[in-house]
Amino acid sequence: MSTWQRSIALILFGFFFFLLSMGETLGKDPAPPKKTPQLVSEGGKLYEQNCVTCHGAKGDGKGPAAAALKPAPSDFADPLNQWPNTKGKPGEIFEVISKGIPNSAMVKWDQLSERERWGLTYFVMEFAKVSPSKKK
């Protein structure tokens, strides 16, 4: 193998590992934005516009369209750890908002910006009741 062939092989080898590392980086979700009162408020406005019809103004899953939906919309007033699809984990709530829930009326909201979806995530979490602590 000549010097120029070795050089080309090293360049290709290096480029290959560069692409591998980029793929791993690009595949990771960025860190969520910090929860702030402003972001929660923005999420509330989006909730009013897009979610009340199914989930209700109180987040209890009793919006005007809820009776016709099977399965019924999630009740965000339940304690977070009792939420059926996400167990109240912010990243999983964000995923449900972003991708929807198959075989349900919960559609994906990927037309909203990532920031808007995080605002919705933080807002719906505000409905949750605090789980009662176990007495010993």
C-alpha atoms as a PDB file:
ATOM      1  CA  MET A   1       0.000   0.000   0.000  1.00  0.00           C
ATOM      2  CA  SER A   2       1.438   3.353  -0.997  1.00  0.00           C
ATOM      3  CA  THR A   3       1.682   6.415   1.215  1.00  0.00           C
ATOM      4  CA  TRP A   4      -1.223   8.196  -0.478  1.00  0.00           C
ATOM      5  CA  GLN A   5      -3.407   5.055  -0.161  1.00  0.00           C
ATOM      6  CA  ARG A   6      -2.630   4.877   3.575  1.00  0.00           C
ATOM      7  CA  SER A   7      -3.447   8.561   3.898  1.00  0.00           C
ATOM      8  CA  ILE A   8      -6.785   8.080   2.149  1.00  0.00           C
ATOM      9  CA  ALA A   9      -7.531   5.025   4.346  1.00  0.00           C
ATOM     10  CA  LEU A  10      -6.766   7.014   7.523  1.00  0.00           C
ATOM     11  CA  ILE A  11      -8.930   9.905   6.381  1.00  0.00           C
ATOM     12  CA  LEU A  12     -11.831   7.564   5.595  1.00  0.00           C
ATOM     13  CA  PHE A  13     -11.339   5.727   8.883  1.00  0.00           C
ATOM     14  CA  GLY A  14     -11.391   9.030  10.811  1.00  0.00           C
ATOM     15  CA  PHE A  15     -14.439  10.252   8.891  1.00  0.00           C
ATOM     16  CA  PHE A  16     -16.245   6.992   9.667  1.00  0.00           C
ATOM     17  CA  PHE A  17     -15.720   7.455  13.438  1.00  0.00           C
ATOM     18  CA  PHE A  18     -16.717  11.104  13.165  1.00  0.00           C
ATOM     19  CA  LEU A  19     -20.019  10.060  11.576  1.00  0.00           C
ATOM     20  CA  LEU A  20     -20.585   7.440  14.259  1.00  0.00           C
ATOM     21  CA  SER A  21     -20.089   9.968  17.027  1.00  0.00           C
ATOM     22  CA  MET A  22     -22.353  12.506  15.296  1.00  0.00           C
ATOM     23  CA  GLY A  23     -25.099   9.925  14.895  1.00  0.00           C
ATOM     24  CA  GLU A  24     -24.986   9.176  18.594  1.00  0.00           C
ATOM     25  CA  THR A  25     -25.089  12.886  19.440  1.00  0.00           C
ATOM     26  CA  LEU A  26     -27.860  13.688  16.957  1.00  0.00           C
ATOM     27  CA  GLY A  27     -29.984  10.792  18.195  1.00  0.00           C
ATOM     28  CA  LYS A  28     -30.118  12.110  21.750  1.00  0.00           C
ATOM     29  CA  ASP A  29     -32.890  14.421  22.825  1.00  0.00           C
ATOM     30  CA  PRO A  30     -31.714  17.812  24.015  1.00  0.00           C
ATOM     31  CA  ALA A  31     -32.188  18.656  27.659  1.00  0.00           C
ATOM     32  CA  PRO A  32     -35.650  20.045  28.393  1.00  0.00           C
ATOM     33  CA  PRO A  33     -35.967  23.759  29.054  1.00  0.00           C
ATOM     34  CA  LYS A  34     -36.052  24.877  32.656  1.00  0.00           C
ATOM     35  CA  LYS A  35     -39.539  24.948  34.145  1.00  0.00           C
ATOM     36  CA  THR A  36     -40.402  28.602  34.681  1.00  0.00           C
ATOM     37  CA  PRO A  37     -43.670  30.378  35.501  1.00  0.00           C
ATOM     38  CA  GLN A  38     -43.609  31.914  32.014  1.00  0.00           C
ATOM     39  CA  LEU A  39     -43.235  28.522  30.311  1.00  0.00           C
ATOM     40  CA  VAL A  40     -46.030  27.028  32.432  1.00  0.00           C
ATOM     41  CA  SER A  41     -48.238  30.018  31.552  1.00  0.00           C
ATOM     42  CA  GLU A  42     -47.504  29.544  27.832  1.00  0.00           C
ATOM     43  CA  GLY A  43     -48.405  25.877  28.254  1.00  0.00           C
ATOM     44  CA  GLY A  44     -51.676  26.906  29.891  1.00  0.00           C
ATOM     45  CA  LYS A  45     -52.639  29.016  26.904  1.00  0.00           C
ATOM     46  CA  LEU A  46     -51.896  26.122  24.567  1.00  0.00           C
ATOM     47  CA  TYR A  47     -53.878  23.783  26.819  1.00  0.00           C
ATOM     48  CA  GLU A  48     -56.902  26.097  26.609  1.00  0.00           C
ATOM     49  CA  GLN A  49     -56.631  26.177  22.812  1.00  0.00           C
ATOM     50  CA  ASN A  50     -55.927  22.503  22.156  1.00  0.00           C
ATOM     51  CA  CYS A  51     -56.664  20.219  25.098  1.00  0.00           C
ATOM     52  CA  VAL A  52     -59.750  21.398  27.017  1.00  0.00           C
ATOM     53  CA  THR A  53     -62.177  19.747  24.593  1.00  0.00           C
ATOM     54  CA  CYS A  54     -61.016  16.293  25.695  1.00  0.00           C
ATOM     55  CA  HIS A  55     -59.223  16.748  29.022  1.00  0.00           C
ATOM     56  CA  GLY A  56     -61.491  19.463  30.472  1.00  0.00           C
ATOM     57  CA  ALA A  57     -60.717  22.846  31.987  1.00  0.00           C
ATOM     58  CA  LYS A  58     -59.761  21.196  35.286  1.00  0.00           C
ATOM     59  CA  GLY A  59     -57.622  18.534  33.599  1.00  0.00           C
ATOM     60  CA  ASP A  60     -59.923  15.835  34.969  1.00  0.00           C
ATOM     61  CA  GLY A  61     -60.528  14.122  31.623  1.00  0.00           C
ATOM     62  CA  LYS A  62     -64.128  15.390  31.508  1.00  0.00           C
ATOM     63  CA  GLY A  63     -64.064  17.785  28.572  1.00  0.00           C
ATOM     64  CA  PRO A  64     -67.102  18.183  26.289  1.00  0.00           C
ATOM     65  CA  ALA A  65     -65.855  15.463  23.899  1.00  0.00           C
ATOM     66  CA  ALA A  66     -64.659  13.041  26.587  1.00  0.00           C
ATOM     67  CA  ALA A  67     -67.832  10.942  26.844  1.00  0.00           C
ATOM     68  CA  ALA A  68     -67.477   9.871  23.205  1.00  0.00           C
ATOM     69  CA  LEU A  69     -63.826   8.854  23.496  1.00  0.00           C
ATOM     70  CA  LYS A  70     -62.599   5.324  24.145  1.00  0.00           C
ATOM     71  CA  PRO A  71     -60.284   5.054  25.914  1.00  0.00           C
ATOM     72  CA  ALA A  72     -61.246   8.050  28.006  1.00  0.00           C
ATOM     73  CA  PRO A  73     -58.829  10.995  28.165  1.00  0.00           C
ATOM     74  CA  SER A  74     -56.276  10.981  30.958  1.00  0.00           C
ATOM     75  CA  ASP A  75     -57.256  12.547  34.260  1.00  0.00           C
ATOM     76  CA  PHE A  76     -54.365  14.879  35.048  1.00  0.00           C
ATOM     77  CA  ALA A  77     -55.756  15.474  38.547  1.00  0.00           C
ATOM     78  CA  ASP A  78     -54.650  11.969  39.560  1.00  0.00           C
ATOM     79  CA  PRO A  79     -51.325  11.759  41.396  1.00  0.00           C
ATOM     80  CA  LEU A  80     -48.476  11.744  38.878  1.00  0.00           C
ATOM     81  CA  ASN A  81     -47.382   8.204  39.698  1.00  0.00           C
ATOM     82  CA  GLN A  82     -50.876   6.981  38.773  1.00  0.00           C
ATOM     83  CA  TRP A  83     -50.894   8.437  35.266  1.00  0.00           C
ATOM     84  CA  PRO A  84     -51.351   5.337  33.080  1.00  0.00           C
ATOM     85  CA  ASN A  85     -49.095   6.088  30.111  1.00  0.00           C
ATOM     86  CA  THR A  86     -46.320   8.096  31.720  1.00  0.00           C
ATOM     87  CA  LYS A  87     -46.365   7.601  35.495  1.00  0.00           C
ATOM     88  CA  GLY A  88     -45.966  11.371  35.618  1.00  0.00           C
ATOM     89  CA  LYS A  89     -42.416  11.397  34.247  1.00  0.00           C
ATOM     90  CA  PRO A  90     -41.844  14.691  32.406  1.00  0.00           C
ATOM     91  CA  GLY A  91     -39.893  13.116  29.532  1.00  0.00           C
ATOM     92  CA  GLU A  92     -42.608  10.537  28.945  1.00  0.00           C
ATOM     93  CA  ILE A  93     -45.376  13.149  29.138  1.00  0.00           C
ATOM     94  CA  PHE A  94     -43.456  15.157  26.539  1.00  0.00           C
ATOM     95  CA  GLU A  95     -43.224  12.029  24.325  1.00  0.00           C
ATOM     96  CA  VAL A  96     -46.985  11.419  24.556  1.00  0.00           C
ATOM     97  CA  ILE A  97     -47.682  15.038  23.628  1.00  0.00           C
ATOM     98  CA  SER A  98     -45.173  14.805  20.776  1.00  0.00           C
ATOM     99  CA  LYS A  99     -46.156  11.394  19.395  1.00  0.00           C
ATOM    100  CA  GLY A 100     -49.698  10.752  20.623  1.00  0.00           C
ATOM    101  CA  ILE A 101     -51.035   7.421  21.874  1.00  0.00           C
ATOM    102  CA  PRO A 102     -51.836   4.731  19.291  1.00  0.00           C
ATOM    103  CA  ASN A 103     -55.434   3.468  19.203  1.00  0.00           C
ATOM    104  CA  SER A 104     -56.723   6.464  21.117  1.00  0.00           C
ATOM    105  CA  ALA A 105     -57.949   9.977  20.419  1.00  0.00           C
ATOM    106  CA  MET A 106     -54.652  11.393  21.732  1.00  0.00           C
ATOM    107  CA  VAL A 107     -53.073  12.751  18.571  1.00  0.00           C
ATOM    108  CA  LYS A 108     -49.494  13.849  18.173  1.00  0.00           C
ATOM    109  CA  TRP A 109     -48.803  17.538  18.632  1.00  0.00           C
ATOM    110  CA  ASP A 110     -45.501  17.637  16.780  1.00  0.00           C
ATOM    111  CA  GLN A 111     -46.662  20.713  14.860  1.00  0.00           C
ATOM    112  CA  LEU A 112     -46.042  22.637  18.086  1.00  0.00           C
ATOM    113  CA  SER A 113     -42.480  23.704  18.761  1.00  0.00           C
ATOM    114  CA  GLU A 114     -40.418  21.716  21.230  1.00  0.00           C
ATOM    115  CA  ARG A 115     -40.633  24.605  23.695  1.00  0.00           C
ATOM    116  CA  GLU A 116     -44.425  24.706  23.382  1.00  0.00           C
ATOM    117  CA  ARG A 117     -44.666  20.955  24.015  1.00  0.00           C
ATOM    118  CA  TRP A 118     -42.512  21.348  27.139  1.00  0.00           C
ATOM    119  CA  GLY A 119     -44.785  24.170  28.256  1.00  0.00           C
ATOM    120  CA  LEU A 120     -47.766  21.839  27.895  1.00  0.00           C
ATOM    121  CA  THR A 121     -45.871  19.111  29.738  1.00  0.00           C
ATOM    122  CA  TYR A 122     -45.165  21.351  32.706  1.00  0.00           C
ATOM    123  CA  PHE A 123     -48.689  22.801  32.667  1.00  0.00           C
ATOM    124  CA  VAL A 124     -50.551  19.463  32.775  1.00  0.00           C
ATOM    125  CA  MET A 125     -48.319  18.325  35.622  1.00  0.00           C
ATOM    126  CA  GLU A 126     -49.684  21.262  37.643  1.00  0.00           C
ATOM    127  CA  PHE A 127     -53.110  19.567  37.743  1.00  0.00           C
ATOM    128  CA  ALA A 128     -51.801  16.519  39.616  1.00  0.00           C
ATOM    129  CA  LYS A 129     -52.756  15.911  43.194  1.00  0.00           C
ATOM    130  CA  VAL A 130     -49.922  15.255  45.543  1.00  0.00           C
ATOM    131  CA  SER A 131     -49.792  11.565  46.425  1.00  0.00           C
ATOM    132  CA  PRO A 132     -50.741  11.011  50.053  1.00  0.00           C
ATOM    133  CA  SER A 133     -47.729   9.912  52.061  1.00  0.00           C
ATOM    134  CA  LYS A 134     -47.932   6.514  53.688  1.00  0.00           C
ATOM    135  CA  LYS A 135     -48.288   6.617  57.438  1.00  0.00           C
ATOM    136  CA  LYS A 136     -46.117   4.253  59.410  1.00  0.00           C
END
